[in-house]
Amino acid sequence: MESYEPKSGPVSNDLVDIFESSLHLEDTHYTEGYKEGYKDGLAPGKEEGREECFSSRVQKSIKQMHESLLKYPLSNSEDESGSDILDLMRLKFRAICASLNVKLVYIGYPKGSELF
């Protein structure tokens, strides 16, 4: 009696290839959908991201504080302008924080009412 051996050739590989694509169909569609959605969302996202997130008043205060930082002396000099610039930066910082509704609380640092 002869034993039957299945042919392992191009026919069986073709069947495997047919079923292989069916098995990965969901992954393929997911990947294609993700890439397509990414491309479709990229252009509108760039346009929406260009909106100004801060008001012009806050932007002006930030710019003024930046300019004050650039003017601040890096070395210890006897010049009084350094302390004036530092006072201006503190005021600008508080104004910016108030405009952005940011509460300044430091652990271990006394509140304003506790100082006096």
PDB file of N, CA and C in Angstrom:
ATOM      1  N   MET A   1       0.811  -1.150   0.000  1.00  0.00           N
ATOM      2  CA  MET A   1       0.000   0.000   0.000  1.00  0.00           C
ATOM      3  C   MET A   1       0.876   1.242   0.000  1.00  0.00           C
ATOM      4  N   GLU A   2       0.540   2.172  -0.805  1.00  0.00           N
ATOM      5  CA  GLU A   2       1.311   3.395  -0.897  1.00  0.00           C
ATOM      6  C   GLU A   2       0.732   4.449   0.047  1.00  0.00           C
ATOM      7  N   SER A   3       1.625   5.211   0.645  1.00  0.00           N
ATOM      8  CA  SER A   3       1.153   6.275   1.532  1.00  0.00           C
ATOM      9  C   SER A   3       0.965   7.555   0.718  1.00  0.00           C
ATOM     10  N   TYR A   4       0.018   8.329   1.182  1.00  0.00           N
ATOM     11  CA  TYR A   4      -0.281   9.580   0.487  1.00  0.00           C
ATOM     12  C   TYR A   4       0.493  10.707   1.140  1.00  0.00           C
ATOM     13  N   GLU A   5       1.231  11.447   0.360  1.00  0.00           N
ATOM     14  CA  GLU A   5       1.962  12.606   0.851  1.00  0.00           C
ATOM     15  C   GLU A   5       1.463  13.829   0.095  1.00  0.00           C
ATOM     16  N   PRO A   6       1.040  14.851   0.831  1.00  0.00           N
ATOM     17  CA  PRO A   6       0.566  16.054   0.144  1.00  0.00           C
ATOM     18  C   PRO A   6       1.719  16.742  -0.561  1.00  0.00           C
ATOM     19  N   LYS A   7       1.389  17.312  -1.662  1.00  0.00           N
ATOM     20  CA  LYS A   7       2.401  18.032  -2.421  1.00  0.00           C
ATOM     21  C   LYS A   7       2.706  19.350  -1.718  1.00  0.00           C
ATOM     22  N   SER A   8       3.955  19.572  -1.494  1.00  0.00           N
ATOM     23  CA  SER A   8       4.355  20.862  -0.929  1.00  0.00           C
ATOM     24  C   SER A   8       5.025  21.641  -2.050  1.00  0.00           C
ATOM     25  N   GLY A   9       4.248  22.435  -2.665  1.00  0.00           N
ATOM     26  CA  GLY A   9       4.762  23.195  -3.786  1.00  0.00           C
ATOM     27  C   GLY A   9       4.036  24.506  -3.882  1.00  0.00           C
ATOM     28  N   PRO A  10       3.987  25.049  -5.077  1.00  0.00           N
ATOM     29  CA  PRO A  10       3.365  26.343  -5.258  1.00  0.00           C
ATOM     30  C   PRO A  10       1.877  26.355  -4.924  1.00  0.00           C
ATOM     31  N   VAL A  11       1.197  25.218  -5.059  1.00  0.00           N
ATOM     32  CA  VAL A  11      -0.240  25.188  -4.797  1.00  0.00           C
ATOM     33  C   VAL A  11      -0.505  25.443  -3.318  1.00  0.00           C
ATOM     34  N   SER A  12       0.207  24.767  -2.440  1.00  0.00           N
ATOM     35  CA  SER A  12      -0.031  24.945  -1.008  1.00  0.00           C
ATOM     36  C   SER A  12       0.437  26.330  -0.542  1.00  0.00           C
ATOM     37  N   ASN A  13       1.490  26.858  -1.143  1.00  0.00           N
ATOM     38  CA  ASN A  13       1.941  28.208  -0.788  1.00  0.00           C
ATOM     39  C   ASN A  13       0.926  29.261  -1.215  1.00  0.00           C
ATOM     40  N   ASP A  14       0.271  29.038  -2.367  1.00  0.00           N
ATOM     41  CA  ASP A  14      -0.753  29.968  -2.819  1.00  0.00           C
ATOM     42  C   ASP A  14      -1.924  29.998  -1.852  1.00  0.00           C
ATOM     43  N   LEU A  15      -2.317  28.849  -1.343  1.00  0.00           N
ATOM     44  CA  LEU A  15      -3.415  28.796  -0.382  1.00  0.00           C
ATOM     45  C   LEU A  15      -3.045  29.521   0.906  1.00  0.00           C
ATOM     46  N   VAL A  16      -1.817  29.350   1.335  1.00  0.00           N
ATOM     47  CA  VAL A  16      -1.364  30.028   2.544  1.00  0.00           C
ATOM     48  C   VAL A  16      -1.367  31.538   2.321  1.00  0.00           C
ATOM     49  N   ASP A  17      -0.915  31.972   1.147  1.00  0.00           N
ATOM     50  CA  ASP A  17      -0.894  33.397   0.846  1.00  0.00           C
ATOM     51  C   ASP A  17      -2.303  33.987   0.810  1.00  0.00           C
ATOM     52  N   ILE A  18      -3.261  33.257   0.277  1.00  0.00           N
ATOM     53  CA  ILE A  18      -4.644  33.730   0.215  1.00  0.00           C
ATOM     54  C   ILE A  18      -5.186  33.926   1.628  1.00  0.00           C
ATOM     55  N   PHE A  19      -4.988  32.958   2.470  1.00  0.00           N
ATOM     56  CA  PHE A  19      -5.511  33.042   3.831  1.00  0.00           C
ATOM     57  C   PHE A  19      -4.713  34.028   4.686  1.00  0.00           C
ATOM     58  N   GLU A  20      -3.457  34.194   4.377  1.00  0.00           N
ATOM     59  CA  GLU A  20      -2.615  35.126   5.133  1.00  0.00           C
ATOM     60  C   GLU A  20      -3.141  36.555   5.001  1.00  0.00           C
ATOM     61  N   SER A  21      -3.498  36.952   3.792  1.00  0.00           N
ATOM     62  CA  SER A  21      -4.014  38.307   3.603  1.00  0.00           C
ATOM     63  C   SER A  21      -5.368  38.477   4.286  1.00  0.00           C
ATOM     64  N   SER A  22      -6.173  37.424   4.321  1.00  0.00           N
ATOM     65  CA  SER A  22      -7.466  37.496   5.001  1.00  0.00           C
ATOM     66  C   SER A  22      -7.284  37.623   6.508  1.00  0.00           C
ATOM     67  N   LEU A  23      -6.279  36.947   7.042  1.00  0.00           N
ATOM     68  CA  LEU A  23      -6.038  36.999   8.482  1.00  0.00           C
ATOM     69  C   LEU A  23      -5.555  38.377   8.927  1.00  0.00           C
ATOM     70  N   HIS A  24      -4.821  39.048   8.080  1.00  0.00           N
ATOM     71  CA  HIS A  24      -4.266  40.349   8.435  1.00  0.00           C
ATOM     72  C   HIS A  24      -5.073  41.510   7.860  1.00  0.00           C
ATOM     73  N   LEU A  25      -6.270  41.230   7.392  1.00  0.00           N
ATOM     74  CA  LEU A  25      -7.092  42.256   6.763  1.00  0.00           C
ATOM     75  C   LEU A  25      -7.435  43.384   7.743  1.00  0.00           C
ATOM     76  N   GLU A  26      -7.803  43.025   8.961  1.00  0.00           N
ATOM     77  CA  GLU A  26      -8.167  44.037   9.952  1.00  0.00           C
ATOM     78  C   GLU A  26      -6.972  44.932  10.291  1.00  0.00           C
ATOM     79  N   ASP A  27      -5.813  44.328  10.481  1.00  0.00           N
ATOM     80  CA  ASP A  27      -4.609  45.114  10.774  1.00  0.00           C
ATOM     81  C   ASP A  27      -4.259  46.043   9.615  1.00  0.00           C
ATOM     82  N   THR A  28      -4.418  45.537   8.402  1.00  0.00           N
ATOM     83  CA  THR A  28      -4.113  46.338   7.220  1.00  0.00           C
ATOM     84  C   THR A  28      -5.033  47.553   7.145  1.00  0.00           C
ATOM     85  N   HIS A  29      -6.332  47.329   7.347  1.00  0.00           N
ATOM     86  CA  HIS A  29      -7.284  48.438   7.296  1.00  0.00           C
ATOM     87  C   HIS A  29      -7.039  49.433   8.430  1.00  0.00           C
ATOM     88  N   TYR A  30      -6.698  48.937   9.603  1.00  0.00           N
ATOM     89  CA  TYR A  30      -6.406  49.815  10.733  1.00  0.00           C
ATOM     90  C   TYR A  30      -5.199  50.698  10.423  1.00  0.00           C
ATOM     91  N   THR A  31      -4.145  50.094   9.894  1.00  0.00           N
ATOM     92  CA  THR A  31      -2.927  50.844   9.578  1.00  0.00           C
ATOM     93  C   THR A  31      -3.191  51.883   8.493  1.00  0.00           C
ATOM     94  N   GLU A  32      -3.902  51.486   7.447  1.00  0.00           N
ATOM     95  CA  GLU A  32      -4.214  52.426   6.372  1.00  0.00           C
ATOM     96  C   GLU A  32      -5.095  53.565   6.881  1.00  0.00           C
ATOM     97  N   GLY A  33      -6.082  53.238   7.718  1.00  0.00           N
ATOM     98  CA  GLY A  33      -6.964  54.263   8.280  1.00  0.00           C
ATOM     99  C   GLY A  33      -6.220  55.235   9.168  1.00  0.00           C
ATOM    100  N   TYR A  34      -5.279  54.710   9.933  1.00  0.00           N
ATOM    101  CA  TYR A  34      -4.485  55.577  10.807  1.00  0.00           C
ATOM    102  C   TYR A  34      -3.656  56.552   9.978  1.00  0.00           C
ATOM    103  N   LYS A  35      -2.989  56.036   8.954  1.00  0.00           N
ATOM    104  CA  LYS A  35      -2.156  56.899   8.106  1.00  0.00           C
ATOM    105  C   LYS A  35      -3.004  57.957   7.405  1.00  0.00           C
ATOM    106  N   GLU A  36      -4.168  57.541   6.907  1.00  0.00           N
ATOM    107  CA  GLU A  36      -5.048  58.466   6.209  1.00  0.00           C
ATOM    108  C   GLU A  36      -5.595  59.531   7.169  1.00  0.00           C
ATOM    109  N   GLY A  37      -5.990  59.108   8.360  1.00  0.00           N
ATOM    110  CA  GLY A  37      -6.495  60.050   9.359  1.00  0.00           C
ATOM    111  C   GLY A  37      -5.424  61.014   9.820  1.00  0.00           C
ATOM    112  N   TYR A  38      -4.212  60.522   9.940  1.00  0.00           N
ATOM    113  CA  TYR A  38      -3.099  61.387  10.345  1.00  0.00           C
ATOM    114  C   TYR A  38      -2.876  62.476   9.306  1.00  0.00           C
ATOM    115  N   LYS A  39      -2.876  62.085   8.024  1.00  0.00           N
ATOM    116  CA  LYS A  39      -2.681  63.066   6.954  1.00  0.00           C
ATOM    117  C   LYS A  39      -3.831  64.069   6.919  1.00  0.00           C
ATOM    118  N   ASP A  40      -5.077  63.570   7.091  1.00  0.00           N
ATOM    119  CA  ASP A  40      -6.237  64.460   7.054  1.00  0.00           C
ATOM    120  C   ASP A  40      -6.267  65.413   8.245  1.00  0.00           C
ATOM    121  N   GLY A  41      -5.748  64.997   9.386  1.00  0.00           N
ATOM    122  CA  GLY A  41      -5.764  65.843  10.568  1.00  0.00           C
ATOM    123  C   GLY A  41      -4.573  66.765  10.682  1.00  0.00           C
ATOM    124  N   LEU A  42      -3.532  66.481   9.944  1.00  0.00           N
ATOM    125  CA  LEU A  42      -2.307  67.266  10.053  1.00  0.00           C
ATOM    126  C   LEU A  42      -2.494  68.697   9.545  1.00  0.00           C
ATOM    127  N   ALA A  43      -3.071  68.845   8.381  1.00  0.00           N
ATOM    128  CA  ALA A  43      -3.240  70.183   7.800  1.00  0.00           C
ATOM    129  C   ALA A  43      -4.177  71.056   8.636  1.00  0.00           C
ATOM    130  N   PRO A  44      -5.368  70.572   9.015  1.00  0.00           N
ATOM    131  CA  PRO A  44      -6.221  71.422   9.865  1.00  0.00           C
ATOM    132  C   PRO A  44      -5.597  71.689  11.231  1.00  0.00           C
ATOM    133  N   GLY A  45      -4.848  70.732  11.744  1.00  0.00           N
ATOM    134  CA  GLY A  45      -4.199  70.922  13.041  1.00  0.00           C
ATOM    135  C   GLY A  45      -3.178  72.033  13.010  1.00  0.00           C
ATOM    136  N   LYS A  46      -2.466  72.144  11.908  1.00  0.00           N
ATOM    137  CA  LYS A  46      -1.485  73.223  11.783  1.00  0.00           C
ATOM    138  C   LYS A  46      -2.182  74.575  11.721  1.00  0.00           C
ATOM    139  N   GLU A  47      -3.301  74.630  11.009  1.00  0.00           N
ATOM    140  CA  GLU A  47      -4.037  75.890  10.900  1.00  0.00           C
ATOM    141  C   GLU A  47      -4.629  76.287  12.248  1.00  0.00           C
ATOM    142  N   GLU A  48      -5.206  75.334  12.973  1.00  0.00           N
ATOM    143  CA  GLU A  48      -5.811  75.639  14.267  1.00  0.00           C
ATOM    144  C   GLU A  48      -4.748  75.987  15.296  1.00  0.00           C
ATOM    145  N   GLY A  49      -3.584  75.409  15.166  1.00  0.00           N
ATOM    146  CA  GLY A  49      -2.516  75.670  16.115  1.00  0.00           C
ATOM    147  C   GLY A  49      -1.907  77.047  15.979  1.00  0.00           C
ATOM    148  N   ARG A  50      -2.196  77.718  14.893  1.00  0.00           N
ATOM    149  CA  ARG A  50      -1.630  79.050  14.673  1.00  0.00           C
ATOM    150  C   ARG A  50      -2.371  80.137  15.447  1.00  0.00           C
ATOM    151  N   GLU A  51      -3.523  79.789  15.988  1.00  0.00           N
ATOM    152  CA  GLU A  51      -4.262  80.785  16.752  1.00  0.00           C
ATOM    153  C   GLU A  51      -3.434  81.228  17.950  1.00  0.00           C
ATOM    154  N   GLU A  52      -3.610  82.445  18.322  1.00  0.00           N
ATOM    155  CA  GLU A  52      -2.883  82.993  19.464  1.00  0.00           C
ATOM    156  C   GLU A  52      -3.558  82.497  20.733  1.00  0.00           C
ATOM    157  N   CYS A  53      -2.802  81.859  21.597  1.00  0.00           N
ATOM    158  CA  CYS A  53      -3.393  81.317  22.814  1.00  0.00           C
ATOM    159  C   CYS A  53      -3.409  82.339  23.940  1.00  0.00           C
ATOM    160  N   PHE A  54      -2.633  83.398  23.850  1.00  0.00           N
ATOM    161  CA  PHE A  54      -2.623  84.437  24.869  1.00  0.00           C
ATOM    162  C   PHE A  54      -3.161  85.725  24.268  1.00  0.00           C
ATOM    163  N   SER A  55      -3.763  86.530  25.118  1.00  0.00           N
ATOM    164  CA  SER A  55      -4.258  87.822  24.654  1.00  0.00           C
ATOM    165  C   SER A  55      -3.072  88.721  24.299  1.00  0.00           C
ATOM    166  N   SER A  56      -3.370  89.783  23.578  1.00  0.00           N
ATOM    167  CA  SER A  56      -2.292  90.694  23.172  1.00  0.00           C
ATOM    168  C   SER A  56      -1.667  91.369  24.390  1.00  0.00           C
ATOM    169  N   ARG A  57      -2.461  91.599  25.437  1.00  0.00           N
ATOM    170  CA  ARG A  57      -1.931  92.218  26.656  1.00  0.00           C
ATOM    171  C   ARG A  57      -0.922  91.301  27.340  1.00  0.00           C
ATOM    172  N   VAL A  58      -1.253  90.015  27.416  1.00  0.00           N
ATOM    173  CA  VAL A  58      -0.337  89.054  28.039  1.00  0.00           C
ATOM    174  C   VAL A  58       0.919  88.909  27.187  1.00  0.00           C
ATOM    175  N   GLN A  59       0.758  88.857  25.873  1.00  0.00           N
ATOM    176  CA  GLN A  59       1.918  88.756  24.986  1.00  0.00           C
ATOM    177  C   GLN A  59       2.829  89.968  25.142  1.00  0.00           C
ATOM    178  N   LYS A  60       2.235  91.142  25.291  1.00  0.00           N
ATOM    179  CA  LYS A  60       3.027  92.358  25.476  1.00  0.00           C
ATOM    180  C   LYS A  60       3.798  92.287  26.795  1.00  0.00           C
ATOM    181  N   SER A  61       3.137  91.810  27.855  1.00  0.00           N
ATOM    182  CA  SER A  61       3.808  91.692  29.158  1.00  0.00           C
ATOM    183  C   SER A  61       4.949  90.687  29.108  1.00  0.00           C
ATOM    184  N   ILE A  62       4.731  89.585  28.413  1.00  0.00           N
ATOM    185  CA  ILE A  62       5.783  88.568  28.282  1.00  0.00           C
ATOM    186  C   ILE A  62       6.967  89.136  27.505  1.00  0.00           C
ATOM    187  N   LYS A  63       6.675  89.884  26.450  1.00  0.00           N
ATOM    188  CA  LYS A  63       7.751  90.491  25.659  1.00  0.00           C
ATOM    189  C   LYS A  63       8.535  91.499  26.496  1.00  0.00           C
ATOM    190  N   GLN A  64       7.833  92.303  27.290  1.00  0.00           N
ATOM    191  CA  GLN A  64       8.512  93.280  28.145  1.00  0.00           C
ATOM    192  C   GLN A  64       9.370  92.586  29.196  1.00  0.00           C
ATOM    193  N   MET A  65       8.876  91.481  29.742  1.00  0.00           N
ATOM    194  CA  MET A  65       9.664  90.752  30.731  1.00  0.00           C
ATOM    195  C   MET A  65      10.905  90.152  30.081  1.00  0.00           C
ATOM    196  N   HIS A  66      10.750  89.649  28.870  1.00  0.00           N
ATOM    197  CA  HIS A  66      11.896  89.102  28.144  1.00  0.00           C
ATOM    198  C   HIS A  66      12.949  90.181  27.913  1.00  0.00           C
ATOM    199  N   GLU A  67      12.508  91.365  27.532  1.00  0.00           N
ATOM    200  CA  GLU A  67      13.447  92.472  27.321  1.00  0.00           C
ATOM    201  C   GLU A  67      14.146  92.851  28.629  1.00  0.00           C
ATOM    202  N   SER A  68      13.403  92.812  29.738  1.00  0.00           N
ATOM    203  CA  SER A  68      14.008  93.103  31.046  1.00  0.00           C
ATOM    204  C   SER A  68      15.047  92.055  31.413  1.00  0.00           C
ATOM    205  N   LEU A  69      14.760  90.807  31.085  1.00  0.00           N
ATOM    206  CA  LEU A  69      15.726  89.738  31.356  1.00  0.00           C
ATOM    207  C   LEU A  69      17.009  89.939  30.568  1.00  0.00           C
ATOM    208  N   LEU A  70      16.874  90.406  29.338  1.00  0.00           N
ATOM    209  CA  LEU A  70      18.061  90.649  28.516  1.00  0.00           C
ATOM    210  C   LEU A  70      18.876  91.826  29.045  1.00  0.00           C
ATOM    211  N   LYS A  71      18.216  92.798  29.664  1.00  0.00           N
ATOM    212  CA  LYS A  71      18.917  93.967  30.199  1.00  0.00           C
ATOM    213  C   LYS A  71      19.550  93.697  31.557  1.00  0.00           C
ATOM    214  N   TYR A  72      19.106  92.662  32.241  1.00  0.00           N
ATOM    215  CA  TYR A  72      19.577  92.417  33.606  1.00  0.00           C
ATOM    216  C   TYR A  72      21.064  92.088  33.592  1.00  0.00           C
ATOM    217  N   PRO A  73      21.863  92.740  34.448  1.00  0.00           N
ATOM    218  CA  PRO A  73      23.316  92.497  34.447  1.00  0.00           C
ATOM    219  C   PRO A  73      23.649  91.105  34.980  1.00  0.00           C
ATOM    220  N   LEU A  74      24.583  90.450  34.325  1.00  0.00           N
ATOM    221  CA  LEU A  74      24.987  89.109  34.732  1.00  0.00           C
ATOM    222  C   LEU A  74      26.076  89.128  35.792  1.00  0.00           C
ATOM    223  N   SER A  75      26.747  90.235  35.951  1.00  0.00           N
ATOM    224  CA  SER A  75      27.808  90.334  36.960  1.00  0.00           C
ATOM    225  C   SER A  75      27.327  91.213  38.115  1.00  0.00           C
ATOM    226  N   ASN A  76      27.931  91.046  39.263  1.00  0.00           N
ATOM    227  CA  ASN A  76      27.600  91.867  40.425  1.00  0.00           C
ATOM    228  C   ASN A  76      28.255  93.227  40.275  1.00  0.00           C
ATOM    229  N   SER A  77      27.446  94.181  39.980  1.00  0.00           N
ATOM    230  CA  SER A  77      27.974  95.537  39.854  1.00  0.00           C
ATOM    231  C   SER A  77      27.326  96.407  40.931  1.00  0.00           C
ATOM    232  N   GLU A  78      27.929  97.514  41.188  1.00  0.00           N
ATOM    233  CA  GLU A  78      27.417  98.441  42.195  1.00  0.00           C
ATOM    234  C   GLU A  78      26.304  99.321  41.620  1.00  0.00           C
ATOM    235  N   ASP A  79      25.989  99.099  40.369  1.00  0.00           N
ATOM    236  CA  ASP A  79      24.987  99.907  39.692  1.00  0.00           C
ATOM    237  C   ASP A  79      23.596  99.598  40.259  1.00  0.00           C
ATOM    238  N   GLU A  80      22.799 100.630  40.489  1.00  0.00           N
ATOM    239  CA  GLU A  80      21.455 100.474  41.048  1.00  0.00           C
ATOM    240  C   GLU A  80      20.439 100.025  40.000  1.00  0.00           C
ATOM    241  N   SER A  81      20.798 100.109  38.736  1.00  0.00           N
ATOM    242  CA  SER A  81      19.839  99.752  37.692  1.00  0.00           C
ATOM    243  C   SER A  81      19.478  98.270  37.751  1.00  0.00           C
ATOM    244  N   GLY A  82      20.381  97.443  38.269  1.00  0.00           N
ATOM    245  CA  GLY A  82      20.093  96.012  38.388  1.00  0.00           C
ATOM    246  C   GLY A  82      18.935  95.742  39.321  1.00  0.00           C
ATOM    247  N   SER A  83      18.881  96.452  40.441  1.00  0.00           N
ATOM    248  CA  SER A  83      17.771  96.251  41.379  1.00  0.00           C
ATOM    249  C   SER A  83      16.472  96.819  40.819  1.00  0.00           C
ATOM    250  N   ASP A  84      16.566  97.900  40.052  1.00  0.00           N
ATOM    251  CA  ASP A  84      15.370  98.455  39.418  1.00  0.00           C
ATOM    252  C   ASP A  84      14.805  97.480  38.388  1.00  0.00           C
ATOM    253  N   ILE A  85      15.686  96.888  37.616  1.00  0.00           N
ATOM    254  CA  ILE A  85      15.258  95.915  36.606  1.00  0.00           C
ATOM    255  C   ILE A  85      14.651  94.694  37.286  1.00  0.00           C
ATOM    256  N   LEU A  86      15.251  94.260  38.387  1.00  0.00           N
ATOM    257  CA  LEU A  86      14.738  93.110  39.129  1.00  0.00           C
ATOM    258  C   LEU A  86      13.340  93.395  39.679  1.00  0.00           C
ATOM    259  N   ASP A  87      13.126  94.591  40.211  1.00  0.00           N
ATOM    260  CA  ASP A  87      11.797  94.973  40.697  1.00  0.00           C
ATOM    261  C   ASP A  87      10.781  94.982  39.561  1.00  0.00           C
ATOM    262  N   LEU A  88      11.189  95.493  38.405  1.00  0.00           N
ATOM    263  CA  LEU A  88      10.308  95.514  37.240  1.00  0.00           C
ATOM    264  C   LEU A  88       9.955  94.091  36.798  1.00  0.00           C
ATOM    265  N   MET A  89      10.946  93.201  36.813  1.00  0.00           N
ATOM    266  CA  MET A  89      10.690  91.809  36.416  1.00  0.00           C
ATOM    267  C   MET A  89       9.736  91.128  37.393  1.00  0.00           C
ATOM    268  N   ARG A  90       9.884  91.393  38.681  1.00  0.00           N
ATOM    269  CA  ARG A  90       8.964  90.816  39.671  1.00  0.00           C
ATOM    270  C   ARG A  90       7.531  91.284  39.421  1.00  0.00           C
ATOM    271  N   LEU A  91       7.378  92.581  39.163  1.00  0.00           N
ATOM    272  CA  LEU A  91       6.043  93.113  38.894  1.00  0.00           C
ATOM    273  C   LEU A  91       5.450  92.510  37.625  1.00  0.00           C
ATOM    274  N   LYS A  92       6.258  92.410  36.581  1.00  0.00           N
ATOM    275  CA  LYS A  92       5.780  91.830  35.318  1.00  0.00           C
ATOM    276  C   LYS A  92       5.396  90.368  35.512  1.00  0.00           C
ATOM    277  N   PHE A  93       6.213  89.649  36.285  1.00  0.00           N
ATOM    278  CA  PHE A  93       5.937  88.240  36.539  1.00  0.00           C
ATOM    279  C   PHE A  93       4.603  88.076  37.262  1.00  0.00           C
ATOM    280  N   ARG A  94       4.365  88.896  38.264  1.00  0.00           N
ATOM    281  CA  ARG A  94       3.093  88.829  38.993  1.00  0.00           C
ATOM    282  C   ARG A  94       1.923  89.193  38.086  1.00  0.00           C
ATOM    283  N   ALA A  95       2.113  90.199  37.239  1.00  0.00           N
ATOM    284  CA  ALA A  95       1.048  90.610  36.323  1.00  0.00           C
ATOM    285  C   ALA A  95       0.732  89.501  35.322  1.00  0.00           C
ATOM    286  N   ILE A  96       1.760  88.853  34.813  1.00  0.00           N
ATOM    287  CA  ILE A  96       1.554  87.757  33.860  1.00  0.00           C
ATOM    288  C   ILE A  96       0.839  86.600  34.546  1.00  0.00           C
ATOM    289  N   CYS A  97       1.270  86.249  35.748  1.00  0.00           N
ATOM    290  CA  CYS A  97       0.628  85.152  36.483  1.00  0.00           C
ATOM    291  C   CYS A  97      -0.830  85.475  36.784  1.00  0.00           C
ATOM    292  N   ALA A  98      -1.119  86.721  37.145  1.00  0.00           N
ATOM    293  CA  ALA A  98      -2.499  87.120  37.415  1.00  0.00           C
ATOM    294  C   ALA A  98      -3.337  87.064  36.140  1.00  0.00           C
ATOM    295  N   SER A  99      -2.769  87.483  35.017  1.00  0.00           N
ATOM    296  CA  SER A  99      -3.498  87.448  33.744  1.00  0.00           C
ATOM    297  C   SER A  99      -3.808  86.026  33.310  1.00  0.00           C
ATOM    298  N   LEU A 100      -2.895  85.115  33.603  1.00  0.00           N
ATOM    299  CA  LEU A 100      -3.081  83.713  33.220  1.00  0.00           C
ATOM    300  C   LEU A 100      -3.803  82.908  34.296  1.00  0.00           C
ATOM    301  N   ASN A 101      -4.170  83.569  35.395  1.00  0.00           N
ATOM    302  CA  ASN A 101      -4.859  82.931  36.512  1.00  0.00           C
ATOM    303  C   ASN A 101      -4.030  81.797  37.112  1.00  0.00           C
ATOM    304  N   VAL A 102      -2.755  82.067  37.302  1.00  0.00           N
ATOM    305  CA  VAL A 102      -1.832  81.096  37.893  1.00  0.00           C
ATOM    306  C   VAL A 102      -1.603  81.493  39.342  1.00  0.00           C
ATOM    307  N   LYS A 103      -1.847  80.552  40.243  1.00  0.00           N
ATOM    308  CA  LYS A 103      -1.635  80.806  41.668  1.00  0.00           C
ATOM    309  C   LYS A 103      -0.202  80.440  42.026  1.00  0.00           C
ATOM    310  N   LEU A 104       0.474  81.347  42.698  1.00  0.00           N
ATOM    311  CA  LEU A 104       1.848  81.101  43.117  1.00  0.00           C
ATOM    312  C   LEU A 104       1.846  80.638  44.565  1.00  0.00           C
ATOM    313  N   VAL A 105       2.063  79.355  44.766  1.00  0.00           N
ATOM    314  CA  VAL A 105       2.107  78.784  46.107  1.00  0.00           C
ATOM    315  C   VAL A 105       3.347  77.923  46.193  1.00  0.00           C
ATOM    316  N   TYR A 106       4.185  78.225  47.170  1.00  0.00           N
ATOM    317  CA  TYR A 106       5.388  77.449  47.396  1.00  0.00           C
ATOM    318  C   TYR A 106       5.268  76.765  48.749  1.00  0.00           C
ATOM    319  N   ILE A 107       5.584  75.498  48.812  1.00  0.00           N
ATOM    320  CA  ILE A 107       5.544  74.764  50.067  1.00  0.00           C
ATOM    321  C   ILE A 107       6.644  75.300  50.977  1.00  0.00           C
ATOM    322  N   GLY A 108       6.264  75.691  52.189  1.00  0.00           N
ATOM    323  CA  GLY A 108       7.230  76.214  53.140  1.00  0.00           C
ATOM    324  C   GLY A 108       7.451  77.708  53.035  1.00  0.00           C
ATOM    325  N   TYR A 109       6.887  78.355  52.039  1.00  0.00           N
ATOM    326  CA  TYR A 109       7.041  79.801  51.873  1.00  0.00           C
ATOM    327  C   TYR A 109       5.803  80.470  52.450  1.00  0.00           C
ATOM    328  N   PRO A 110       5.948  81.447  53.334  1.00  0.00           N
ATOM    329  CA  PRO A 110       4.767  82.065  53.949  1.00  0.00           C
ATOM    330  C   PRO A 110       3.960  82.864  52.934  1.00  0.00           C
ATOM    331  N   LYS A 111       2.659  82.860  53.137  1.00  0.00           N
ATOM    332  CA  LYS A 111       1.776  83.644  52.282  1.00  0.00           C
ATOM    333  C   LYS A 111       1.924  85.112  52.627  1.00  0.00           C
ATOM    334  N   GLY A 112       1.408  85.988  51.789  1.00  0.00           N
ATOM    335  CA  GLY A 112       1.525  87.424  52.005  1.00  0.00           C
ATOM    336  C   GLY A 112       0.935  87.870  53.326  1.00  0.00           C
ATOM    337  N   SER A 113      -0.196  87.282  53.719  1.00  0.00           N
ATOM    338  CA  SER A 113      -0.837  87.674  54.977  1.00  0.00           C
ATOM    339  C   SER A 113      -0.048  87.194  56.190  1.00  0.00           C
ATOM    340  N   GLU A 114       0.767  86.166  56.038  1.00  0.00           N
ATOM    341  CA  GLU A 114       1.536  85.620  57.152  1.00  0.00           C
ATOM    342  C   GLU A 114       2.848  86.364  57.376  1.00  0.00           C
ATOM    343  N   LEU A 115       3.220  87.238  56.469  1.00  0.00           N
ATOM    344  CA  LEU A 115       4.488  87.951  56.593  1.00  0.00           C
ATOM    345  C   LEU A 115       4.443  89.022  57.670  1.00  0.00           C
ATOM    346  N   PHE A 116       3.296  89.642  57.868  1.00  0.00           N
ATOM    347  CA  PHE A 116       3.207  90.762  58.811  1.00  0.00           C
ATOM    348  C   PHE A 116       2.472  90.374  60.054  1.00  0.00           C
TER     349      PHE A 116
END
